[in-house]
């Protein structure tokens, strides 16, 4: 009786185990590609997902060598040799295999091959369980193609940049030669013109008519103006070429230093200087002094017709944290429609008869500020004054 009960219990447990195995098999067959081969590679079982992806019926594959009907020729011989070497020794292998379907198309399967061992510990059957990854592999190949295209574009761009850099260097060399020519070849004739005009005025001045003397004076002033223009052009060229020598520059101290340059020229004028708190910036001190000299001298020049001139120098902060410096005056101002023209070379909104100048000073300012990573702009009203502003990085952090 006890023996019969134990037998029934064992049968019940076996039925439960078989039911569980059947459920597992059904679950696996619902989404996985399952194939079974004998040790020689002949297919002994193939589930529905295997048939759908390979486009072979079950009858067409059972008993046939897996390698004959599915091999795509993509993988090298070493790939298969390594795989068979692993599973023949009873070890599990996992890898990505590209197979060929019946219609000649290929597909990718992420595959696990499990050797099922017999009593002699040698493989009796190989169970392959796989998951289709063709879409993923296609996406990877597309990504690789895109990366290759980007790499090729970058290489081409680098080549163009190198070519452009070489062209710019050649242009800079030509500009340097031009600057040398200007400084030597043009200055010498100007010195001669000025010198001979002066000699003529000394030797024959008494015998010349008032009209002739006026002609000589015009020639002398024109030669002097040409010399100033050459100097400004050379300064403009040097600003773009010289290396920046950046350090922490106190704008408050620099403004006071520049202000001293104007005391002698403005002592007869009624000028109210309103100088507010100014920050320390990270800049080339010599070039920053040149910026302030140009802007402050412009404010002095364009308020020359004011009975009481007012020049205000102050600062604020930009949204990016840079310092914004402004110089505001109550002078002649300008038409705001032409604000963008102010910073071009030789661009003037006033005639030389009204205000002296070569028309290069503001272009020099813009070049200096741009090289410091900032920007410069202007606001004005005709006969209502002008405000010139520029942004520049503040004092660098001490490490």
Protein backbone atom coordinates (compact mmCIF):
# COMPACT_ATOMS: atom_id res chain seq x y z
CA UNK A 1 0.00 0.00 0.00
CA UNK A 2 2.78 2.42 0.92
CA UNK A 3 4.63 1.49 -2.26
CA UNK A 4 1.52 2.27 -4.36
CA UNK A 5 1.09 5.65 -2.66
CA UNK A 6 4.74 6.59 -3.30
CA UNK A 7 4.35 5.61 -6.94
CA UNK A 8 1.27 7.80 -7.33
CA UNK A 9 3.07 10.69 -5.70
CA UNK A 10 6.01 10.26 -8.05
CA UNK A 11 3.68 10.14 -11.06
CA UNK A 12 1.91 13.30 -9.86
CA UNK A 13 5.23 15.08 -9.43
CA UNK A 14 6.32 13.95 -12.90
CA UNK A 15 3.10 15.22 -14.42
CA UNK A 16 3.56 18.56 -12.68
CA UNK A 17 7.14 18.76 -13.93
CA UNK A 18 6.06 17.88 -17.48
CA UNK A 19 3.30 20.48 -17.34
CA UNK A 20 5.76 23.09 -16.15
CA UNK A 21 8.25 22.14 -18.86
CA UNK A 22 5.48 22.33 -21.46
CA UNK A 23 4.48 25.78 -20.21
CA UNK A 24 8.10 26.94 -20.35
CA UNK A 25 8.45 25.54 -23.88
CA UNK A 26 5.28 27.31 -25.01
CA UNK A 27 6.44 30.58 -23.48
CA UNK A 28 9.86 30.23 -25.11
CA UNK A 29 8.36 29.34 -28.49
CA UNK A 30 6.14 32.41 -28.41
CA UNK A 31 9.02 34.87 -28.85
CA UNK A 32 12.36 33.02 -29.12
CA UNK A 33 13.94 31.28 -32.11
CA UNK A 34 14.62 27.69 -31.03
CA UNK A 35 16.58 25.12 -32.97
CA UNK A 36 18.01 21.76 -31.99
CA UNK A 37 20.81 19.92 -33.80
CA UNK A 38 22.66 16.68 -33.30
CA UNK A 39 26.45 16.67 -32.72
CA UNK A 40 27.01 16.62 -36.51
CA UNK A 41 24.99 19.82 -36.98
CA UNK A 42 21.87 18.23 -38.50
CA UNK A 43 18.65 19.96 -37.46
CA UNK A 44 16.39 17.79 -35.31
CA UNK A 45 13.90 20.43 -34.20
CA UNK A 46 12.86 23.93 -35.28
CA UNK A 47 10.03 26.00 -33.81
CA UNK A 48 7.62 28.35 -35.59
CA UNK A 49 9.66 31.58 -35.05
CA UNK A 50 12.66 29.77 -36.60
CA UNK A 51 10.59 28.87 -39.67
CA UNK A 52 9.15 32.39 -39.99
CA UNK A 53 12.50 34.16 -39.91
CA UNK A 54 14.35 31.60 -42.08
CA UNK A 55 11.37 31.28 -44.50
CA UNK A 56 11.85 27.46 -44.52
CA UNK A 57 9.10 25.05 -43.56
CA UNK A 58 9.82 22.60 -40.77
CA UNK A 59 9.84 19.73 -43.27
CA UNK A 60 12.48 21.52 -45.37
CA UNK A 61 14.98 21.82 -42.53
CA UNK A 62 14.59 18.69 -40.38
CA UNK A 63 17.51 16.35 -41.02
CA UNK A 64 19.52 18.90 -42.99
CA UNK A 65 22.85 20.34 -41.94
CA UNK A 66 22.36 23.72 -40.31
CA UNK A 67 25.53 25.08 -41.92
CA UNK A 68 24.43 24.14 -45.43
CA UNK A 69 21.05 25.86 -45.49
CA UNK A 70 21.62 28.86 -43.20
CA UNK A 71 25.25 29.89 -43.54
CA UNK A 72 25.50 33.40 -45.01
CA UNK A 73 29.20 33.43 -45.82
CA UNK A 74 29.59 36.64 -43.80
CA UNK A 75 31.49 35.15 -40.89
CA UNK A 76 35.08 33.93 -41.39
CA UNK A 77 36.07 30.29 -40.87
CA UNK A 78 37.73 31.16 -37.54
CA UNK A 79 34.37 32.32 -36.20
CA UNK A 80 32.76 28.92 -36.71
CA UNK A 81 35.84 27.02 -35.64
CA UNK A 82 35.89 28.84 -32.31
CA UNK A 83 32.15 28.33 -31.76
CA UNK A 84 32.28 24.57 -32.43
CA UNK A 85 35.39 24.23 -30.31
CA UNK A 86 33.52 25.68 -27.33
CA UNK A 87 30.26 23.71 -27.59
CA UNK A 88 31.98 20.41 -28.40
CA UNK A 89 33.73 20.72 -25.04
CA UNK A 90 30.35 21.00 -23.36
CA UNK A 91 30.49 24.75 -22.76
CA UNK A 92 27.82 27.34 -23.50
CA UNK A 93 28.51 29.75 -26.38
CA UNK A 94 26.86 33.11 -27.01
CA UNK A 95 27.28 35.38 -29.98
CA UNK A 96 25.64 37.23 -32.84
CA UNK A 97 25.13 35.23 -36.04
CA UNK A 98 24.08 36.48 -39.46
CA UNK A 99 22.13 33.75 -41.26
CA UNK A 100 20.72 33.56 -44.78
CA UNK A 101 17.01 32.91 -45.33
CA UNK A 102 15.51 30.80 -48.09
CA UNK A 103 14.87 33.85 -50.31
CA UNK A 104 18.50 34.98 -50.06
CA UNK A 105 17.95 37.79 -47.55
CA UNK A 106 20.04 37.82 -44.39
CA UNK A 107 19.03 38.31 -40.77
CA UNK A 108 20.82 38.64 -37.45
CA UNK A 109 20.18 36.48 -34.39
CA UNK A 110 21.59 36.96 -30.88
CA UNK A 111 22.15 33.27 -30.09
CA UNK A 112 22.90 31.09 -27.05
CA UNK A 113 23.93 27.48 -27.80
CA UNK A 114 23.62 25.07 -24.89
CA UNK A 115 25.20 21.58 -25.21
CA UNK A 116 22.98 18.90 -23.62
CA UNK A 117 25.33 16.21 -22.30
CA UNK A 118 24.80 12.46 -22.23
CA UNK A 119 25.94 9.94 -19.66
CA UNK A 120 29.45 9.99 -21.07
CA UNK A 121 29.56 13.80 -20.45
CA UNK A 122 29.69 14.41 -24.18
CA UNK A 123 27.17 16.54 -26.08
CA UNK A 124 24.22 14.59 -27.39
CA UNK A 125 22.26 17.59 -28.62
CA UNK A 126 22.86 21.28 -29.14
CA UNK A 127 19.98 23.57 -28.20
CA UNK A 128 20.17 27.02 -29.83
CA UNK A 129 17.94 29.79 -28.47
CA UNK A 130 18.03 33.11 -30.31
CA UNK A 131 16.42 36.54 -30.57
CA UNK A 132 16.10 38.54 -33.79
CA UNK A 133 18.30 41.65 -33.74
CA UNK A 134 18.30 42.60 -37.43
CA UNK A 135 16.80 46.05 -36.84
CA UNK A 136 19.34 46.80 -34.14
CA UNK A 137 22.24 45.71 -36.36
CA UNK A 138 20.93 47.82 -39.24
CA UNK A 139 20.71 50.80 -36.89
CA UNK A 140 24.28 50.16 -35.73
CA UNK A 141 25.49 49.98 -39.33
CA UNK A 142 23.64 53.20 -40.16
CA UNK A 143 25.23 54.84 -37.13
CA UNK A 144 28.66 53.67 -38.24
CA UNK A 145 28.04 55.05 -41.73
CA UNK A 146 26.95 58.36 -40.22
CA UNK A 147 30.04 58.44 -38.01
CA UNK A 148 32.20 57.72 -41.05
CA UNK A 149 30.54 60.52 -43.00
CA UNK A 150 31.03 62.93 -40.08
CA UNK A 151 34.66 61.85 -39.78
CA UNK A 152 35.18 62.40 -43.51
CA UNK A 153 33.51 65.82 -43.27
CA UNK A 154 35.68 66.74 -40.29
CA UNK A 155 38.77 65.65 -42.16
CA UNK A 156 37.74 67.71 -45.18
CA UNK A 157 36.92 70.66 -42.93
CA UNK A 158 40.29 70.42 -41.19
CA UNK A 159 41.95 70.42 -44.58
CA UNK A 160 40.00 73.50 -45.62
CA UNK A 161 40.85 75.20 -42.32
CA UNK A 162 44.55 74.47 -42.83
CA UNK A 163 44.32 75.76 -46.38
CA UNK A 164 42.45 78.86 -45.24
CA UNK A 165 44.95 79.41 -42.44
CA UNK A 166 47.80 79.26 -44.93
CA UNK A 167 45.97 81.77 -47.15
CA UNK A 168 45.38 84.10 -44.19
CA UNK A 169 49.03 83.85 -43.22
CA UNK A 170 50.01 84.81 -46.75
CA UNK A 171 47.61 87.78 -46.60
CA UNK A 172 49.03 88.83 -43.22
CA UNK A 173 52.54 88.62 -44.63
CA UNK A 174 51.45 90.84 -47.51
CA UNK A 175 49.86 93.30 -45.06
CA UNK A 176 53.06 93.35 -43.04
CA UNK A 177 55.02 94.14 -46.18
CA UNK A 178 52.48 96.84 -47.02
CA UNK A 179 52.82 98.33 -43.53
CA UNK A 180 56.57 98.44 -43.95
CA UNK A 181 56.14 100.14 -47.32
CA UNK A 182 53.73 102.68 -45.84
CA UNK A 183 55.96 103.44 -42.90
CA UNK A 184 59.07 103.96 -45.03
CA UNK A 185 58.17 104.65 -48.66
CA UNK A 186 55.25 107.01 -48.00
CA UNK A 187 56.60 108.81 -44.97
CA UNK A 188 59.78 109.89 -46.74
CA UNK A 189 57.99 111.84 -49.53
CA UNK A 190 55.71 113.41 -46.92
CA UNK A 191 58.71 114.56 -44.91
CA UNK A 192 60.14 116.04 -48.10
CA UNK A 193 56.90 117.86 -48.88
CA UNK A 194 56.64 119.26 -45.36
CA UNK A 195 60.34 120.17 -45.26
CA UNK A 196 60.37 121.97 -48.61
CA UNK A 197 57.14 123.81 -47.82
CA UNK A 198 58.71 125.03 -44.59
CA UNK A 199 61.90 126.10 -46.41
CA UNK A 200 59.88 127.89 -49.08
CA UNK A 201 57.93 129.75 -46.41
CA UNK A 202 61.17 130.84 -44.72
CA UNK A 203 63.09 131.84 -47.84
CA UNK A 204 60.41 133.26 -50.07
CA UNK A 205 57.60 133.95 -47.66
CA UNK A 206 58.08 137.74 -47.79
CA UNK A 207 57.90 137.81 -51.57
CA UNK A 208 54.87 135.54 -51.91
CA UNK A 209 51.36 136.79 -52.16
CA UNK A 210 48.78 136.09 -49.47
CA UNK A 211 47.10 133.63 -51.82
CA UNK A 212 50.38 131.72 -52.40
CA UNK A 213 51.05 131.57 -48.67
CA UNK A 214 47.55 130.18 -48.17
CA UNK A 215 48.32 127.51 -50.75
CA UNK A 216 51.51 126.57 -48.90
CA UNK A 217 49.63 126.43 -45.61
CA UNK A 218 47.05 124.09 -47.17
CA UNK A 219 49.80 121.83 -48.53
CA UNK A 220 51.50 121.72 -45.12
CA UNK A 221 48.27 120.87 -43.30
CA UNK A 222 47.40 118.20 -45.87
CA UNK A 223 50.83 116.60 -45.49
CA UNK A 224 50.43 116.66 -41.72
CA UNK A 225 46.97 115.09 -41.99
CA UNK A 226 48.34 112.42 -44.32
CA UNK A 227 51.05 111.61 -41.76
CA UNK A 228 48.41 111.24 -39.04
CA UNK A 229 46.38 109.00 -41.32
CA UNK A 230 49.39 106.77 -42.00
CA UNK A 231 50.09 106.51 -38.27
CA UNK A 232 46.47 105.53 -37.57
CA UNK A 233 46.50 102.93 -40.34
CA UNK A 234 49.69 101.40 -38.97
CA UNK A 235 48.12 101.33 -35.50
CA UNK A 236 45.05 99.61 -36.95
CA UNK A 237 47.27 96.96 -38.59
CA UNK A 238 49.37 96.41 -35.43
CA UNK A 239 46.26 95.88 -33.26
CA UNK A 240 45.22 92.90 -35.36
CA UNK A 241 48.71 91.39 -35.43
CA UNK A 242 50.26 91.83 -31.99
CA UNK A 243 49.75 89.26 -29.23
CA UNK A 244 47.59 90.27 -26.28
CA UNK A 245 49.46 90.72 -23.00
CA UNK A 246 46.54 90.23 -20.64
CA UNK A 247 46.64 91.06 -16.96
CA UNK A 248 44.25 92.45 -14.35
CA UNK A 249 43.72 96.12 -15.18
CA UNK A 250 42.07 98.61 -12.83
CA UNK A 251 39.92 100.78 -15.10
CA UNK A 252 39.50 103.34 -12.31
CA UNK A 253 43.26 103.91 -12.14
CA UNK A 254 43.59 103.83 -15.93
CA UNK A 255 40.86 106.47 -16.42
CA UNK A 256 42.57 108.79 -13.93
CA UNK A 257 45.87 108.31 -15.75
CA UNK A 258 44.28 109.11 -19.14
CA UNK A 259 42.44 112.07 -17.64
CA UNK A 260 45.78 113.67 -16.87
CA UNK A 261 46.55 113.74 -20.60
CA UNK A 262 43.59 116.08 -21.20
CA UNK A 263 44.23 118.61 -18.43
CA UNK A 264 46.47 120.89 -20.48
CA UNK A 265 44.26 120.83 -23.58
CA UNK A 266 41.01 121.38 -21.67
CA UNK A 267 42.05 123.82 -18.93
CA UNK A 268 40.30 126.69 -20.74
CA UNK A 269 37.06 124.72 -21.09
CA UNK A 270 34.19 124.12 -18.67
CA UNK A 271 34.03 120.30 -18.51
CA UNK A 272 32.32 118.38 -15.71
CA UNK A 273 33.78 114.87 -15.42
CA UNK A 274 31.46 112.42 -13.65
CA UNK A 275 33.54 109.30 -13.05
CA UNK A 276 31.74 106.48 -11.22
CA UNK A 277 33.08 103.26 -9.69
CA UNK A 278 34.83 101.16 -12.35
CA UNK A 279 35.78 97.46 -12.19
CA UNK A 280 39.03 95.61 -12.72
CA UNK A 281 39.09 93.72 -16.02
CA UNK A 282 41.31 91.06 -17.55
CA UNK A 283 42.84 92.79 -20.56
CA UNK A 284 45.93 94.12 -22.31
CA UNK A 285 46.69 97.36 -20.39
CA UNK A 286 48.28 99.19 -23.35
CA UNK A 287 45.36 98.43 -25.65
CA UNK A 288 42.79 99.28 -22.96
CA UNK A 289 44.51 102.63 -22.48
CA UNK A 290 44.23 103.22 -26.22
CA UNK A 291 40.47 102.47 -26.07
CA UNK A 292 39.93 104.92 -23.23
CA UNK A 293 42.09 107.60 -24.86
CA UNK A 294 40.06 107.35 -28.08
CA UNK A 295 36.64 107.37 -26.39
CA UNK A 296 37.49 110.11 -23.88
CA UNK A 297 39.12 112.30 -26.55
CA UNK A 298 36.03 111.85 -28.73
CA UNK A 299 33.83 112.99 -25.84
CA UNK A 300 36.06 116.04 -25.34
CA UNK A 301 36.09 116.79 -29.08
CA UNK A 302 32.36 116.46 -29.70
CA UNK A 303 31.43 118.62 -26.68
CA UNK A 304 33.67 121.47 -27.85
CA UNK A 305 30.62 123.58 -28.81
CA UNK A 306 28.97 123.13 -25.39
CA UNK A 307 29.12 126.01 -22.91
CA UNK A 308 29.11 123.42 -20.14
CA UNK A 309 30.27 119.98 -21.22
CA UNK A 310 29.42 116.92 -19.18
CA UNK A 311 31.24 113.61 -19.65
CA UNK A 312 30.12 110.60 -17.60
CA UNK A 313 32.11 107.37 -17.28
CA UNK A 314 30.46 104.41 -15.55
CA UNK A 315 29.87 100.68 -15.62
CA UNK A 316 27.33 97.90 -15.21
CA UNK A 317 27.20 94.13 -15.67
CA UNK A 318 25.94 92.19 -18.68
CA UNK A 319 23.71 89.07 -18.35
CA UNK A 320 26.83 86.95 -19.00
CA UNK A 321 28.72 88.60 -16.14
CA UNK A 322 31.03 90.70 -18.30
CA UNK A 323 31.75 94.30 -17.37
CA UNK A 324 30.01 96.95 -19.47
CA UNK A 325 31.78 100.31 -19.60
CA UNK A 326 30.09 103.42 -20.98
CA UNK A 327 31.27 106.95 -21.77
CA UNK A 328 28.39 109.41 -22.17
CA UNK A 329 28.55 113.06 -23.26
CA UNK A 330 26.14 115.88 -23.97
CA UNK A 331 27.81 116.92 -27.22
CA UNK A 332 26.97 116.89 -30.92
CA UNK A 333 25.67 113.31 -30.93
CA UNK A 334 24.77 111.56 -34.20
CA UNK A 335 21.84 110.21 -36.19
CA UNK A 336 21.04 106.79 -34.62
CA UNK A 337 20.18 105.40 -38.07
CA UNK A 338 23.88 105.39 -38.90
CA UNK A 339 25.18 103.92 -35.62
CA UNK A 340 26.53 100.80 -37.36
CA UNK A 341 28.69 102.91 -39.69
CA UNK A 342 30.63 104.48 -36.82
CA UNK A 343 33.04 101.59 -36.35
CA UNK A 344 34.12 101.19 -39.97
CA UNK A 345 37.42 102.49 -41.29
CA UNK A 346 37.11 106.05 -42.67
CA UNK A 347 33.43 106.20 -41.66
CA UNK A 348 32.59 109.72 -40.45
CA UNK A 349 29.21 111.24 -39.57
CA UNK A 350 30.66 114.74 -39.24
CA UNK A 351 32.80 116.69 -41.71
CA UNK A 352 36.43 117.59 -41.00
CA UNK A 353 35.39 121.23 -40.95
CA UNK A 354 33.21 120.47 -37.91
CA UNK A 355 35.50 118.07 -36.06
CA UNK A 356 39.03 116.91 -36.81
CA UNK A 357 39.97 113.24 -37.14
CA UNK A 358 40.95 110.51 -39.58
CA UNK A 359 37.91 108.23 -39.14
CA UNK A 360 39.96 105.26 -37.87
CA UNK A 361 39.80 105.72 -34.08
CA UNK A 362 36.49 103.89 -33.53
CA UNK A 363 37.57 101.09 -35.89
CA UNK A 364 40.66 100.65 -33.69
CA UNK A 365 38.44 100.52 -30.60
CA UNK A 366 36.21 97.83 -32.10
CA UNK A 367 39.19 95.73 -33.15
CA UNK A 368 40.67 95.90 -29.63
CA UNK A 369 37.40 94.98 -27.91
CA UNK A 370 36.64 92.13 -30.32
CA UNK A 371 40.07 90.66 -29.68
CA UNK A 372 39.25 90.67 -25.95
CA UNK A 373 36.03 88.71 -26.57
CA UNK A 374 33.69 91.66 -26.04
CA UNK A 375 31.63 93.94 -28.22
CA UNK A 376 31.20 97.70 -28.71
CA UNK A 377 28.13 99.76 -29.58
CA UNK A 378 26.90 103.35 -29.62
CA UNK A 379 23.69 105.31 -28.99
CA UNK A 380 23.12 108.93 -29.88
CA UNK A 381 20.80 111.74 -30.84
CA UNK A 382 21.68 114.64 -33.12
CA UNK A 383 22.66 117.57 -30.85
CA UNK A 384 21.61 115.41 -27.89
CA UNK A 385 24.84 113.68 -26.94
CA UNK A 386 26.21 110.17 -27.44
CA UNK A 387 26.96 107.10 -25.35
CA UNK A 388 29.68 104.66 -26.37
CA UNK A 389 29.71 101.31 -24.57
CA UNK A 390 31.84 98.18 -24.64
CA UNK A 391 31.80 94.85 -22.78
CA UNK A 392 34.86 92.99 -21.57
CA UNK A 393 35.57 90.10 -19.16
CA UNK A 394 36.02 91.12 -15.54
CA UNK A 395 39.05 90.37 -13.37
CA UNK A 396 40.23 86.78 -13.72
CA UNK A 397 39.91 84.44 -10.76
CA UNK A 398 43.14 83.97 -8.87
CA UNK A 399 44.13 80.29 -8.62
